[in-house]
Amino acid sequence: MKLENPDVRYLKDIENVVFDKEWLKEAPNIELYYMYRNLERRGSLRYDITVIPAQMLGSEFVKTKGHYHPKQYGELYIVLEGEAIYLMQKVNEENEVVDIYAVEAKKGNYVVIPKDYGHITINPGPESLKMANWVYDGFQSNYSLIEEKGGAAYFYTINGWIKNDKYSNVPDLRFEVPEVEEPKDLSFLN
C-alpha cells in the first residue's frame, strides 16, 4: 500500500494543547504527524494510517491533538511500527473526568477506543510510530473540550506524567494492556 497525499498536522494546529509553553514561544511551525485517510473500506468502516515521527515538543513527547468520540462510535487502532501510548479519558455531563487510563502498545498490538471517550496518541519512542485505525466513515471528531482545557487531563513528559491543572478532581491514571489480536466483531465501531 503506497501512502500518498497525507493531511499534515503542524505544531500551530495543536499549540493550545502543548504542555511546554516556554518552548512553544520560540518553536518553529514543524510538521508533527501525517494522516492518510480512507485507504481501505469494510462496509461503512474506513481504514486510515497515521505516522508520527519521533520528536519532542520541548519537554513533552510528541502527540496527536486529541479528540472525543460521540457516544455511538468507537475506534480500533493497530500499531504497525514503533510504540504508542493511547491516553483515554471520559467526562461526565459537567465535563469532569470520571475515568482516565493509558495503554502502552507496541508493533502488532491492538487498542480499542471506547465509545464516548476522548483520546490522545503519544509517540514515546526513539523511532517513528506508524499506526492504522478502523473507524466509522461518518464519524466526526470533537476537539472542543481538549482545546478548552489545553490538552488531556495528563501530559506525558521527560519527567513522567503531569496532571493538567485546568481540570479539577482528576482520577489517578491507571494502565491497561493492549489486545494481541484484532477483535472478531467490529460492530462496536458503529
Protein backbone atom coordinates (compact mmCIF):
# COMPACT_ATOMS: atom_id res chain seq x y z
CA MET A 1 0.00 0.00 0.00
CA LYS A 2 1.60 3.25 -1.15
CA LEU A 3 0.95 6.23 1.10
CA GLU A 4 0.40 9.49 -0.77
CA ASN A 5 -1.04 12.96 -0.12
CA PRO A 6 -1.43 12.95 3.65
CA ASP A 7 -3.22 15.52 5.74
CA VAL A 8 -0.40 17.12 7.74
CA ARG A 9 -0.82 18.29 11.33
CA TYR A 10 1.53 21.16 12.19
CA LEU A 11 2.61 22.48 15.57
CA LYS A 12 0.41 25.57 15.11
CA ASP A 13 -2.58 23.23 14.74
CA ILE A 14 -2.08 21.86 18.26
CA GLU A 15 -0.22 24.65 20.06
CA ASN A 16 -3.04 25.23 22.55
CA VAL A 17 -2.72 21.62 23.85
CA VAL A 18 1.10 21.58 24.22
CA PHE A 19 2.43 21.37 27.79
CA ASP A 20 5.75 23.23 27.40
CA LYS A 21 4.61 26.83 26.81
CA GLU A 22 8.15 28.26 27.18
CA TRP A 23 9.47 26.00 24.40
CA LEU A 24 6.43 26.87 22.29
CA LYS A 25 7.29 30.59 22.30
CA GLU A 26 10.37 30.01 20.10
CA ALA A 27 9.40 26.79 18.30
CA PRO A 28 9.05 26.80 14.52
CA ASN A 29 5.82 25.54 12.95
CA ILE A 30 7.14 21.99 12.45
CA GLU A 31 5.29 19.07 10.89
CA LEU A 32 4.14 16.75 13.67
CA TYR A 33 2.27 13.90 12.01
CA TYR A 34 0.74 12.66 8.80
CA MET A 35 -2.76 11.24 8.33
CA TYR A 36 -3.58 9.04 5.33
CA ARG A 37 -7.32 8.60 5.27
CA ASN A 38 -9.71 6.16 3.62
CA LEU A 39 -7.05 3.74 2.35
CA GLU A 40 -9.39 0.76 2.57
CA ARG A 41 -13.04 0.08 3.37
CA ARG A 42 -15.13 -2.58 5.10
CA GLY A 43 -18.72 -1.51 4.52
CA SER A 44 -19.23 1.73 6.47
CA LEU A 45 -15.78 1.49 8.11
CA ARG A 46 -12.71 3.23 6.77
CA TYR A 47 -9.05 2.34 7.31
CA ASP A 48 -6.57 5.15 7.96
CA ILE A 49 -2.84 5.25 8.69
CA THR A 50 -1.14 7.90 10.81
CA VAL A 51 2.62 8.39 11.02
CA ILE A 52 4.09 10.29 13.98
CA PRO A 53 7.86 10.82 13.72
CA ALA A 54 9.83 10.67 16.96
CA GLN A 55 10.45 14.15 18.35
CA MET A 56 9.93 16.24 21.43
CA LEU A 57 7.64 19.20 21.98
CA GLY A 58 10.05 20.79 24.41
CA SER A 59 9.80 18.57 27.49
CA GLU A 60 6.72 16.71 26.20
CA PHE A 61 6.70 13.69 23.91
CA VAL A 62 5.10 14.30 20.53
CA LYS A 63 1.38 13.56 20.43
CA THR A 64 -1.79 13.98 18.43
CA LYS A 65 -4.12 16.87 19.13
CA GLY A 66 -6.69 14.56 20.65
CA HIS A 67 -10.45 14.37 20.28
CA TYR A 68 -13.61 12.89 21.76
CA HIS A 69 -15.83 10.27 20.24
CA PRO A 70 -19.58 10.67 20.03
CA LYS A 71 -21.49 8.27 22.27
CA GLN A 72 -22.24 5.90 19.40
CA TYR A 73 -18.74 5.39 17.87
CA GLY A 74 -15.64 3.53 18.98
CA GLU A 75 -12.34 3.14 17.15
CA LEU A 76 -9.75 0.39 16.74
CA TYR A 77 -6.01 1.13 16.45
CA ILE A 78 -3.26 -1.22 15.31
CA VAL A 79 0.42 -0.37 15.91
CA LEU A 80 2.27 -1.13 12.67
CA GLU A 81 5.73 0.20 13.65
CA GLY A 82 7.24 1.76 16.75
CA GLU A 83 5.44 2.21 20.05
CA ALA A 84 2.50 4.26 21.25
CA ILE A 85 0.72 5.36 24.37
CA TYR A 86 -3.02 5.84 23.97
CA LEU A 87 -4.34 8.14 26.70
CA MET A 88 -8.10 7.82 27.10
CA GLN A 89 -10.47 9.81 29.26
CA LYS A 90 -14.19 10.00 29.84
CA VAL A 91 -16.07 13.01 31.21
CA ASN A 92 -19.49 13.41 32.76
CA GLU A 93 -22.17 15.99 31.85
CA GLU A 94 -20.24 18.68 33.76
CA ASN A 95 -17.08 17.88 31.76
CA GLU A 96 -15.34 16.43 34.82
CA VAL A 97 -13.04 13.49 34.15
CA VAL A 98 -14.59 10.35 35.61
CA ASP A 99 -12.19 7.81 34.07
CA ILE A 100 -8.68 8.07 32.63
CA TYR A 101 -6.23 5.39 31.60
CA ALA A 102 -3.29 4.74 29.31
CA VAL A 103 -2.47 1.78 27.11
CA GLU A 104 1.16 1.23 26.13
CA ALA A 105 1.28 -0.59 22.80
CA LYS A 106 3.98 -1.95 20.51
CA LYS A 107 4.08 -3.30 16.98
CA GLY A 108 1.28 -5.80 16.43
CA ASN A 109 -0.86 -4.63 19.37
CA TYR A 110 -4.49 -3.53 19.03
CA VAL A 111 -6.12 -0.83 21.14
CA VAL A 112 -9.86 -0.24 21.40
CA ILE A 113 -11.01 3.34 21.92
CA PRO A 114 -14.35 3.01 23.71
CA LYS A 115 -17.41 4.95 22.69
CA ASP A 116 -17.79 8.29 24.49
CA TYR A 117 -14.07 8.61 25.34
CA GLY A 118 -11.55 11.22 24.36
CA HIS A 119 -8.10 10.09 23.36
CA ILE A 120 -4.63 11.31 22.52
CA THR A 121 -1.88 9.21 20.95
CA ILE A 122 1.69 9.77 22.14
CA ASN A 123 4.91 8.59 20.49
CA PRO A 124 7.26 7.94 23.44
CA GLY A 125 9.82 6.03 21.40
CA PRO A 126 13.04 6.79 19.54
CA GLU A 127 11.55 5.87 16.15
CA SER A 128 8.54 6.84 14.08
CA LEU A 129 5.18 5.49 15.15
CA LYS A 130 3.07 4.13 12.33
CA MET A 131 -0.45 3.11 13.29
CA ALA A 132 -3.62 2.20 11.49
CA ASN A 133 -7.20 2.58 12.60
CA TRP A 134 -10.67 1.37 11.70
CA VAL A 135 -13.42 3.90 12.29
CA TYR A 136 -16.96 4.59 11.07
CA ASP A 137 -16.68 6.73 7.96
CA GLY A 138 -19.37 9.18 9.11
CA PHE A 139 -17.63 9.79 12.43
CA GLN A 140 -16.74 13.41 13.28
CA SER A 141 -14.04 14.14 15.87
CA ASN A 142 -14.92 16.57 18.65
CA TYR A 143 -11.86 18.64 19.61
CA SER A 144 -13.63 21.32 21.70
CA LEU A 145 -13.14 20.02 25.28
CA ILE A 146 -9.50 19.10 24.78
CA GLU A 147 -8.85 22.52 23.22
CA GLU A 148 -10.76 24.29 26.01
CA LYS A 149 -8.73 22.50 28.71
CA GLY A 150 -5.39 22.90 26.93
CA GLY A 151 -4.91 19.16 26.46
CA ALA A 152 -5.91 15.93 28.13
CA ALA A 153 -6.02 15.57 31.92
CA TYR A 154 -2.37 14.36 31.89
CA PHE A 155 0.70 15.26 29.84
CA TYR A 156 3.50 12.73 29.19
CA THR A 157 6.87 14.44 29.60
CA ILE A 158 10.52 13.61 30.17
CA ASN A 159 9.63 13.92 33.87
CA GLY A 160 6.80 11.41 33.58
CA TRP A 161 3.05 12.03 33.81
CA ILE A 162 1.97 15.52 34.87
CA LYS A 163 -1.64 16.45 35.69
CA ASN A 164 -3.19 19.25 33.67
CA ASP A 165 -4.19 21.84 36.26
CA LYS A 166 -7.06 23.09 34.09
CA TYR A 167 -9.04 20.01 35.14
CA SER A 168 -10.47 19.57 38.63
CA ASN A 169 -10.79 16.28 40.51
CA VAL A 170 -8.78 14.19 38.05
CA PRO A 171 -8.68 10.48 38.93
CA ASP A 172 -5.32 8.77 39.26
CA LEU A 173 -4.01 7.48 35.97
CA ARG A 174 -4.26 3.72 35.60
CA PHE A 175 -2.73 1.48 32.94
CA GLU A 176 -4.44 -1.16 30.83
CA VAL A 177 -2.92 -3.72 28.45
CA PRO A 178 -3.42 -3.76 24.67
CA GLU A 179 -5.12 -6.53 22.74
CA VAL A 180 -2.87 -9.01 20.92
CA GLU A 181 -5.45 -9.97 18.30
CA GLU A 182 -7.91 -7.98 16.22
CA PRO A 183 -11.41 -8.27 17.67
CA LYS A 184 -13.53 -10.62 15.54
CA ASP A 185 -16.58 -8.38 15.74
CA LEU A 186 -16.08 -4.72 14.79
CA SER A 187 -19.74 -3.75 15.23
CA PHE A 188 -18.77 -1.63 18.28
CA LEU A 189 -17.31 0.87 15.80
CA ASN A 190 -20.73 1.94 14.50
